Amino acid sequence: MSVQDEALTVMVQNALAADRRISGHPIVVRVAQGEVFLKGVVDTHEQRDLAVLVAKGTAGVRHVVADELRTREADQ
C-alpha cells in the first residue's frame, strides 16, 4: 500500500466516522490506487448508499466498491 493509499484510507475512515448516520457501524476501508473497498455491516440500504456517497465525496477517491458492505435488512 502506498503512502497516498494509506492517507486516503484514513481520510475515508474519518469521513465515515464523522457522519452520525453511519458512525459506529463496523465498516472496514481498504484502498488500492485510489479505489476504495468497503466491507462490513450497516442496518439499512440507505446507510449502505450513504457510506458509498461519503467515500466517493472524499478527495482523491477514484472509485468505490461496496460489494462486501452488507445490510441487516438483507439478512432478515
C-alpha atoms as a PDB file:
ATOM      1  CA  MET A   1       0.000   0.000   0.000  1.00  0.00           C
ATOM      2  CA  SER A   2       1.374   3.378  -0.985  1.00  0.00           C
ATOM      3  CA  VAL A   3       1.597   6.370   1.303  1.00  0.00           C
ATOM      4  CA  GLN A   4      -1.164   8.019  -0.734  1.00  0.00           C
ATOM      5  CA  ASP A   5      -3.432   4.990  -0.278  1.00  0.00           C
ATOM      6  CA  GLU A   6      -2.711   4.939   3.458  1.00  0.00           C
ATOM      7  CA  ALA A   7      -3.585   8.628   3.739  1.00  0.00           C
ATOM      8  CA  LEU A   8      -6.746   8.117   1.690  1.00  0.00           C
ATOM      9  CA  THR A   9      -7.754   5.204   3.921  1.00  0.00           C
ATOM     10  CA  VAL A  10      -7.547   7.439   6.988  1.00  0.00           C
ATOM     11  CA  MET A  11      -9.465  10.233   5.238  1.00  0.00           C
ATOM     12  CA  VAL A  12     -12.317   7.887   4.255  1.00  0.00           C
ATOM     13  CA  GLN A  13     -12.407   6.310   7.736  1.00  0.00           C
ATOM     14  CA  ASN A  14     -12.598   9.768   9.306  1.00  0.00           C
ATOM     15  CA  ALA A  15     -15.347  10.865   6.905  1.00  0.00           C
ATOM     16  CA  LEU A  16     -17.410   7.770   7.719  1.00  0.00           C
ATOM     17  CA  ALA A  17     -16.866   8.257  11.460  1.00  0.00           C
ATOM     18  CA  ALA A  18     -17.869  11.928  11.220  1.00  0.00           C
ATOM     19  CA  ASP A  19     -21.284  11.153   9.731  1.00  0.00           C
ATOM     20  CA  ARG A  20     -23.558  10.399  12.667  1.00  0.00           C
ATOM     21  CA  ARG A  21     -25.972   8.431  10.451  1.00  0.00           C
ATOM     22  CA  ILE A  22     -23.381   5.715   9.815  1.00  0.00           C
ATOM     23  CA  SER A  23     -20.733   6.166  12.507  1.00  0.00           C
ATOM     24  CA  GLY A  24     -20.416   3.255  14.859  1.00  0.00           C
ATOM     25  CA  HIS A  25     -21.066   0.649  12.189  1.00  0.00           C
ATOM     26  CA  PRO A  26     -18.269  -1.852  11.562  1.00  0.00           C
ATOM     27  CA  ILE A  27     -17.103  -0.643   8.143  1.00  0.00           C
ATOM     28  CA  VAL A  28     -13.615  -1.662   7.049  1.00  0.00           C
ATOM     29  CA  VAL A  29     -11.935   0.587   4.477  1.00  0.00           C
ATOM     30  CA  ARG A  30      -9.242  -0.654   2.111  1.00  0.00           C
ATOM     31  CA  VAL A  31      -7.688   1.494  -0.616  1.00  0.00           C
ATOM     32  CA  ALA A  32      -5.652   0.404  -3.644  1.00  0.00           C
ATOM     33  CA  GLN A  33      -4.515   3.011  -6.178  1.00  0.00           C
ATOM     34  CA  GLY A  34      -7.326   5.390  -5.246  1.00  0.00           C
ATOM     35  CA  GLU A  35     -10.002   2.698  -5.410  1.00  0.00           C
ATOM     36  CA  VAL A  36     -11.894   2.313  -2.125  1.00  0.00           C
ATOM     37  CA  PHE A  37     -13.288  -1.031  -0.974  1.00  0.00           C
ATOM     38  CA  LEU A  38     -15.880  -1.005   1.811  1.00  0.00           C
ATOM     39  CA  LYS A  39     -16.636  -4.116   3.846  1.00  0.00           C
ATOM     40  CA  GLY A  40     -18.882  -4.618   6.846  1.00  0.00           C
ATOM     41  CA  VAL A  41     -22.483  -4.405   8.003  1.00  0.00           C
ATOM     42  CA  VAL A  42     -24.913  -1.496   8.284  1.00  0.00           C
ATOM     43  CA  ASP A  43     -28.578  -1.516   9.304  1.00  0.00           C
ATOM     44  CA  THR A  44     -30.306  -0.303   6.135  1.00  0.00           C
ATOM     45  CA  HIS A  45     -29.852   0.081   2.393  1.00  0.00           C
ATOM     46  CA  GLU A  46     -29.931   3.848   2.916  1.00  0.00           C
ATOM     47  CA  GLN A  47     -26.933   3.617   5.245  1.00  0.00           C
ATOM     48  CA  ARG A  48     -25.099   1.489   2.678  1.00  0.00           C
ATOM     49  CA  ASP A  49     -25.785   4.066  -0.035  1.00  0.00           C
ATOM     50  CA  LEU A  50     -24.733   6.854   2.326  1.00  0.00           C
ATOM     51  CA  ALA A  51     -21.431   5.117   3.137  1.00  0.00           C
ATOM     52  CA  VAL A  52     -20.710   4.880  -0.594  1.00  0.00           C
ATOM     53  CA  LEU A  53     -21.582   8.572  -1.103  1.00  0.00           C
ATOM     54  CA  VAL A  54     -19.392   9.648   1.816  1.00  0.00           C
ATOM     55  CA  ALA A  55     -16.477   7.622   0.470  1.00  0.00           C
ATOM     56  CA  LYS A  56     -16.981   8.983  -3.070  1.00  0.00           C
ATOM     57  CA  GLY A  57     -17.052  12.507  -1.676  1.00  0.00           C
ATOM     58  CA  THR A  58     -13.571  12.151  -0.210  1.00  0.00           C
ATOM     59  CA  ALA A  59     -10.908  13.969  -2.219  1.00  0.00           C
ATOM     60  CA  GLY A  60      -8.661  11.555  -4.096  1.00  0.00           C
ATOM     61  CA  VAL A  61     -11.148   8.695  -4.340  1.00  0.00           C
ATOM     62  CA  ARG A  62     -11.398   7.416  -7.908  1.00  0.00           C
ATOM     63  CA  HIS A  63     -13.952   4.642  -7.448  1.00  0.00           C
ATOM     64  CA  VAL A  64     -15.836   2.915  -4.617  1.00  0.00           C
ATOM     65  CA  VAL A  65     -16.619  -0.803  -4.456  1.00  0.00           C
ATOM     66  CA  ALA A  66     -19.145  -1.830  -1.811  1.00  0.00           C
ATOM     67  CA  ASP A  67     -19.873  -5.418  -2.834  1.00  0.00           C
ATOM     68  CA  GLU A  68     -18.914  -6.606   0.648  1.00  0.00           C
ATOM     69  CA  LEU A  69     -20.885  -3.942   2.542  1.00  0.00           C
ATOM     70  CA  ARG A  70     -23.985  -5.819   3.677  1.00  0.00           C
ATOM     71  CA  THR A  71     -27.197  -4.619   5.291  1.00  0.00           C
ATOM     72  CA  ARG A  72     -29.017  -6.232   8.168  1.00  0.00           C
ATOM     73  CA  GLU A  73     -32.256  -5.685   6.194  1.00  0.00           C
ATOM     74  CA  ALA A  74     -30.970  -8.110   3.556  1.00  0.00           C
ATOM     75  CA  ASP A  75     -30.216 -10.706   6.238  1.00  0.00           C
ATOM     76  CA  GLN A  76     -33.803 -10.776   7.530  1.00  0.00           C
END
